[in-house]
Amino acid sequence: MLAKIKSGRDSLRKSEQKVADVILADPDGSVQSSIQSIASRAQVSEPTVIRFCRALDCVGFQEFKLKLAQDLASRGTFFYQDVSVDDTAKELSTKIIDGAIASLMHVKNQMNHATLDQVIDLYLACDRVEFYGSGGSGVVAEDAQLKFFRLGKTAIAYSDPHIQHAAASLLNERSLVFAISASGRNADLLHTVSIAKDHRASIVAITATGSPLAAAADITLTVDVVEDSDIFSPIKSRLAQIAVLDILAVGAAVKGGDEILERLARASQAIDFKFVKDR
């Protein structure tokens, strides 16, 4: 919940951002606070607090507090810590690995399983799947291609925006697009999605809650994790995106039945000779 608030803050109304700032400044205290107290500290009305909660997919203030309390209770040993130039190698490795584990735990707790089933059904019904992403998300797109092409359907990944635009213009109603972006604010990717939608392709976004990409997609699988800064290559969000796509690939293989499992076996057997056998 805290990661969702941080990633979605800029997409909130100005008054709702004040509520977000109050929660982020004292999340533990906010769990114990009344709606009147939160509204007073944020200098907004109580209906604004309710709108803030609904923007985070909560019915109301009580559900928001429950989810926040669960989030705080599950922090456990692994949590996000900013790296520092003064960190030793041990401190650096601990922070990065703990942060990666925390991001995967967050994805696990955040996952909407009904939405996962929807996406798997979309994949099983499509003729072609394409993965679009740039930078770190482009690497995730290429990794997804390596998983999905083994399921037997055409699966292609593009990270160059010019090629994405052209490829999207060749799609149709039997095509499925995975648009991958940690921020959900990549202008080129949003334009690609617009082209794909014009040609009636289905769009699944793997992105941040409340982002423009989430709004543009037919279905969104939210990935809200906190990175150390914009300076370093994104690690936690990339791992979280890969985990989501792993779940989808395995889910499609299992739900697709014997035919898809047979394709997977054939693909493995085709490269079996590449490996040296034990004597």
Protein backbone atom coordinates (compact mmCIF):
# COMPACT_ATOMS: atom_id res chain seq x y z
CA MET A 1 0.00 0.00 0.00
CA LEU A 2 2.82 2.43 0.79
CA ALA A 3 4.48 1.68 -2.55
CA LYS A 4 1.14 2.16 -4.31
CA ILE A 5 0.68 5.56 -2.63
CA LYS A 6 4.20 6.66 -3.58
CA SER A 7 3.96 5.53 -7.20
CA GLY A 8 0.46 6.91 -7.69
CA ARG A 9 0.85 10.19 -5.81
CA ASP A 10 1.50 12.40 -8.84
CA SER A 11 -1.65 11.16 -10.58
CA LEU A 12 -3.86 12.20 -7.64
CA ARG A 13 -5.67 15.51 -7.31
CA LYS A 14 -3.81 18.22 -5.39
CA SER A 15 -6.05 17.82 -2.34
CA GLU A 16 -5.61 14.04 -2.40
CA GLN A 17 -1.84 14.47 -2.61
CA LYS A 18 -2.03 16.24 0.76
CA VAL A 19 -3.65 13.13 2.22
CA ALA A 20 -0.96 10.96 0.64
CA ASP A 21 1.78 13.11 2.19
CA VAL A 22 0.22 12.79 5.65
CA ILE A 23 -0.01 8.99 5.33
CA LEU A 24 3.54 8.64 4.01
CA ALA A 25 4.95 10.86 6.75
CA ASP A 26 3.49 8.65 9.49
CA PRO A 27 2.04 5.38 8.18
CA ASP A 28 2.03 3.67 11.59
CA GLY A 29 0.22 6.58 13.20
CA SER A 30 -2.23 6.80 10.31
CA VAL A 31 -3.42 3.23 10.96
CA GLN A 32 -4.54 4.37 14.42
CA SER A 33 -6.07 7.65 13.23
CA SER A 34 -9.69 8.52 12.51
CA ILE A 35 -10.81 9.96 9.20
CA GLN A 36 -11.40 13.27 10.98
CA SER A 37 -7.80 13.30 12.24
CA ILE A 38 -6.35 12.54 8.79
CA ALA A 39 -8.50 15.22 7.16
CA SER A 40 -7.47 17.76 9.79
CA ARG A 41 -3.74 17.05 9.44
CA ALA A 42 -3.98 17.20 5.65
CA GLN A 43 -6.17 20.32 5.82
CA VAL A 44 -8.77 18.79 3.52
CA SER A 45 -12.37 17.64 3.85
CA GLU A 46 -13.40 14.14 4.92
CA PRO A 47 -14.91 13.40 1.46
CA THR A 48 -11.44 14.12 0.02
CA VAL A 49 -9.98 11.40 2.25
CA ILE A 50 -12.65 9.00 0.95
CA ARG A 51 -11.79 9.92 -2.66
CA PHE A 52 -8.12 9.30 -1.88
CA CYS A 53 -8.97 5.81 -0.58
CA ARG A 54 -11.06 5.01 -3.65
CA ALA A 55 -8.23 6.15 -5.92
CA LEU A 56 -6.21 3.34 -4.29
CA ASP A 57 -8.95 0.77 -5.07
CA CYS A 58 -10.37 0.78 -1.56
CA VAL A 59 -14.12 1.02 -0.91
CA GLY A 60 -13.60 3.45 1.94
CA PHE A 61 -11.39 4.62 4.77
CA GLN A 62 -11.76 1.47 6.90
CA GLU A 63 -10.68 -0.84 4.06
CA PHE A 64 -7.75 1.47 3.34
CA LYS A 65 -6.62 1.34 6.98
CA LEU A 66 -6.95 -2.46 7.01
CA LYS A 67 -4.79 -2.84 3.88
CA LEU A 68 -2.25 -0.36 5.22
CA ALA A 69 -2.08 -2.23 8.53
CA GLN A 70 -1.55 -5.54 6.69
CA ASP A 71 1.19 -3.93 4.63
CA LEU A 72 2.97 -2.61 7.71
CA ALA A 73 2.60 -5.93 9.52
CA SER A 74 4.10 -7.88 6.62
CA ARG A 75 7.24 -5.76 6.28
CA GLY A 76 9.14 -8.28 8.37
CA THR A 77 12.86 -8.73 7.80
CA PHE A 78 12.95 -7.57 4.20
CA PHE A 79 12.29 -3.93 3.36
CA TYR A 80 13.35 -1.15 1.02
CA GLN A 81 16.44 0.86 1.98
CA ASP A 82 18.13 3.53 -0.09
CA VAL A 83 21.73 2.76 -0.98
CA SER A 84 24.43 5.22 0.00
CA VAL A 85 27.88 6.08 -1.32
CA ASP A 86 29.17 5.25 2.16
CA ASP A 87 27.81 1.68 2.11
CA THR A 88 30.25 -1.19 2.44
CA ALA A 89 30.02 -4.09 -0.01
CA LYS A 90 28.13 -6.08 2.66
CA GLU A 91 25.67 -3.24 3.32
CA LEU A 92 25.15 -2.66 -0.39
CA SER A 93 24.48 -6.32 -1.17
CA THR A 94 22.14 -6.66 1.82
CA LYS A 95 20.11 -3.60 0.84
CA ILE A 96 19.78 -4.61 -2.80
CA ILE A 97 18.87 -8.25 -2.08
CA ASP A 98 16.50 -7.37 0.77
CA GLY A 99 14.86 -4.77 -1.46
CA ALA A 100 14.46 -7.30 -4.26
CA ILE A 101 12.86 -9.82 -1.89
CA ALA A 102 10.59 -7.11 -0.49
CA SER A 103 9.46 -6.17 -4.01
CA LEU A 104 8.54 -9.79 -4.79
CA MET A 105 6.67 -10.09 -1.49
CA HIS A 106 4.85 -6.90 -2.38
CA VAL A 107 3.83 -8.29 -5.77
CA LYS A 108 2.61 -11.46 -4.06
CA ASN A 109 0.45 -9.50 -1.60
CA GLN A 110 -0.78 -7.05 -4.23
CA MET A 111 -1.68 -9.58 -6.94
CA ASN A 112 -5.26 -9.54 -8.24
CA HIS A 113 -5.86 -13.21 -9.04
CA ALA A 114 -9.12 -12.61 -10.92
CA THR A 115 -7.26 -10.25 -13.23
CA LEU A 116 -4.52 -12.85 -13.72
CA ASP A 117 -7.16 -15.34 -14.88
CA GLN A 118 -8.55 -12.75 -17.30
CA VAL A 119 -5.14 -12.14 -18.85
CA ILE A 120 -4.42 -15.86 -19.18
CA ASP A 121 -7.76 -16.31 -20.96
CA LEU A 122 -6.91 -13.43 -23.29
CA TYR A 123 -3.63 -15.09 -24.17
CA LEU A 124 -5.23 -18.48 -24.82
CA ALA A 125 -7.77 -16.82 -27.14
CA CYS A 126 -5.27 -14.74 -29.15
CA ASP A 127 -3.34 -15.67 -32.27
CA ARG A 128 -0.32 -13.45 -31.63
CA VAL A 129 1.30 -11.74 -28.65
CA GLU A 130 3.72 -8.81 -28.69
CA PHE A 131 5.68 -7.33 -25.78
CA TYR A 132 6.59 -3.63 -25.78
CA GLY A 133 8.95 -1.91 -23.36
CA SER A 134 11.92 0.46 -23.29
CA GLY A 135 15.10 0.53 -21.21
CA GLY A 136 14.86 -1.88 -18.28
CA SER A 137 11.31 -2.76 -19.31
CA GLY A 138 12.64 -3.58 -22.79
CA VAL A 139 14.84 -6.25 -21.20
CA VAL A 140 11.74 -7.60 -19.45
CA ALA A 141 9.89 -7.70 -22.79
CA GLU A 142 12.70 -9.74 -24.36
CA ASP A 143 12.71 -12.11 -21.39
CA ALA A 144 8.94 -12.58 -21.80
CA GLN A 145 9.39 -13.46 -25.46
CA LEU A 146 11.80 -16.25 -24.48
CA LYS A 147 9.10 -17.72 -22.24
CA PHE A 148 6.01 -17.27 -24.38
CA PHE A 149 7.26 -18.36 -27.80
CA ARG A 150 7.69 -21.87 -26.38
CA LEU A 151 3.92 -22.02 -25.84
CA GLY A 152 3.47 -22.29 -29.61
CA LYS A 153 2.01 -18.91 -30.58
CA THR A 154 3.87 -16.13 -32.35
CA ALA A 155 5.53 -14.03 -29.62
CA ILE A 156 7.72 -11.02 -30.41
CA ALA A 157 9.34 -8.34 -28.25
CA TYR A 158 10.18 -4.83 -29.46
CA SER A 159 12.09 -2.17 -27.52
CA ASP A 160 12.67 0.35 -30.33
CA PRO A 161 9.75 2.85 -30.37
CA HIS A 162 9.79 3.28 -34.17
CA ILE A 163 9.46 -0.48 -34.67
CA GLN A 164 6.81 -0.61 -31.92
CA HIS A 165 4.70 1.96 -33.79
CA ALA A 166 5.00 0.10 -37.08
CA ALA A 167 4.36 -3.31 -35.50
CA ALA A 168 1.30 -2.05 -33.64
CA SER A 169 -0.22 -0.83 -36.91
CA LEU A 170 -0.17 -4.42 -38.24
CA LEU A 171 -2.14 -5.95 -35.36
CA ASN A 172 -5.80 -6.96 -35.35
CA GLU A 173 -8.57 -8.08 -33.00
CA ARG A 174 -6.86 -11.47 -32.51
CA SER A 175 -3.66 -9.82 -31.23
CA LEU A 176 -2.58 -9.31 -27.62
CA VAL A 177 -0.14 -6.62 -26.49
CA PHE A 178 1.74 -6.51 -23.20
CA ALA A 179 2.82 -2.92 -22.57
CA ILE A 180 5.49 -2.84 -19.85
CA SER A 181 6.58 0.32 -18.02
CA ALA A 182 7.53 0.92 -14.38
CA SER A 183 6.29 4.52 -14.44
CA GLY A 184 3.53 4.13 -17.03
CA ARG A 185 4.43 7.55 -18.39
CA ASN A 186 6.58 6.71 -21.42
CA ALA A 187 5.18 8.88 -24.23
CA ASP A 188 6.42 6.59 -27.01
CA LEU A 189 4.87 3.53 -25.40
CA LEU A 190 1.57 5.34 -24.87
CA HIS A 191 1.55 6.25 -28.56
CA THR A 192 2.24 2.62 -29.48
CA VAL A 193 -0.68 1.50 -27.31
CA SER A 194 -2.92 4.04 -29.00
CA ILE A 195 -2.01 2.64 -32.42
CA ALA A 196 -2.58 -0.95 -31.24
CA LYS A 197 -6.00 -0.01 -29.84
CA ASP A 198 -6.95 1.65 -33.14
CA HIS A 199 -6.33 -1.75 -34.75
CA ARG A 200 -8.47 -3.50 -32.11
CA ALA A 201 -5.69 -5.37 -30.32
CA SER A 202 -6.22 -6.19 -26.65
CA ILE A 203 -3.89 -4.29 -24.30
CA VAL A 204 -2.51 -5.59 -21.01
CA ALA A 205 -0.40 -3.12 -19.04
CA ILE A 206 2.17 -4.12 -16.46
CA THR A 207 2.72 -0.80 -14.78
CA ALA A 208 2.13 1.51 -11.82
CA THR A 209 -1.28 2.15 -10.30
CA GLY A 210 -3.04 5.25 -11.60
CA SER A 211 -0.54 5.85 -14.42
CA PRO A 212 -1.55 7.01 -17.92
CA LEU A 213 -0.62 3.57 -19.26
CA ALA A 214 -2.89 1.88 -16.72
CA ALA A 215 -5.73 4.14 -17.86
CA ALA A 216 -5.10 3.36 -21.53
CA ALA A 217 -5.01 -0.44 -21.14
CA ASP A 218 -7.91 -2.87 -21.28
CA ILE A 219 -6.50 -4.75 -18.27
CA THR A 220 -3.78 -3.68 -15.85
CA LEU A 221 -1.56 -5.79 -13.62
CA THR A 222 -0.16 -3.24 -11.21
CA VAL A 223 3.47 -3.31 -10.11
CA ASP A 224 4.14 -0.66 -7.47
CA VAL A 225 7.64 -0.91 -6.04
CA VAL A 226 10.02 1.74 -4.77
CA GLU A 227 13.35 2.20 -6.56
CA ASP A 228 16.38 3.77 -4.88
CA SER A 229 16.50 6.67 -7.31
CA ASP A 230 16.26 7.60 -10.96
CA ILE A 231 20.06 7.38 -11.21
CA PHE A 232 20.46 3.62 -10.91
CA SER A 233 19.11 1.08 -13.38
CA PRO A 234 15.77 -0.15 -12.00
CA ILE A 235 16.23 -3.44 -10.20
CA LYS A 236 13.17 -4.04 -8.04
CA SER A 237 10.57 -3.05 -10.62
CA ARG A 238 12.30 -5.15 -13.29
CA LEU A 239 12.30 -8.24 -11.04
CA ALA A 240 8.65 -7.63 -10.16
CA GLN A 241 7.67 -7.31 -13.83
CA ILE A 242 9.54 -10.53 -14.68
CA ALA A 243 7.78 -12.36 -11.84
CA VAL A 244 4.35 -11.27 -13.10
CA LEU A 245 5.14 -12.45 -16.62
CA ASP A 246 6.53 -15.74 -15.27
CA ILE A 247 3.24 -16.33 -13.48
CA LEU A 248 1.30 -15.61 -16.67
CA ALA A 249 3.47 -17.89 -18.81
CA VAL A 250 3.24 -20.81 -16.40
CA GLY A 251 -0.47 -20.16 -15.90
CA ALA A 252 -1.10 -20.20 -19.65
CA ALA A 253 0.90 -23.43 -20.01
CA VAL A 254 -1.07 -25.17 -17.26
CA LYS A 255 -4.48 -23.81 -18.24
CA GLY A 256 -3.82 -24.42 -21.94
CA GLY A 257 -3.82 -28.17 -21.40
CA ASP A 258 -1.92 -31.03 -23.00
CA GLU A 259 -1.41 -29.28 -26.36
CA ILE A 260 0.64 -26.43 -24.88
CA LEU A 261 2.54 -28.76 -22.54
CA GLU A 262 3.43 -30.90 -25.57
CA ARG A 263 4.78 -27.83 -27.38
CA LEU A 264 6.93 -26.98 -24.37
CA ALA A 265 8.31 -30.50 -24.35
CA ARG A 266 9.09 -30.38 -28.09
CA ALA A 267 10.90 -27.05 -27.68
CA SER A 268 13.04 -28.49 -24.87
CA GLN A 269 13.82 -31.64 -26.80
CA ALA A 270 14.89 -29.60 -29.86
CA ILE A 271 17.83 -28.10 -27.94
CA ASP A 272 18.58 -31.06 -25.72
CA PHE A 273 21.66 -31.99 -27.80
CA LYS A 274 23.29 -28.68 -26.82
CA PHE A 275 23.99 -29.95 -23.31
CA VAL A 276 26.82 -32.26 -22.30
CA LYS A 277 25.47 -35.40 -20.65
CA ASP A 278 26.91 -36.83 -17.43
CA ARG A 279 28.74 -40.11 -17.95
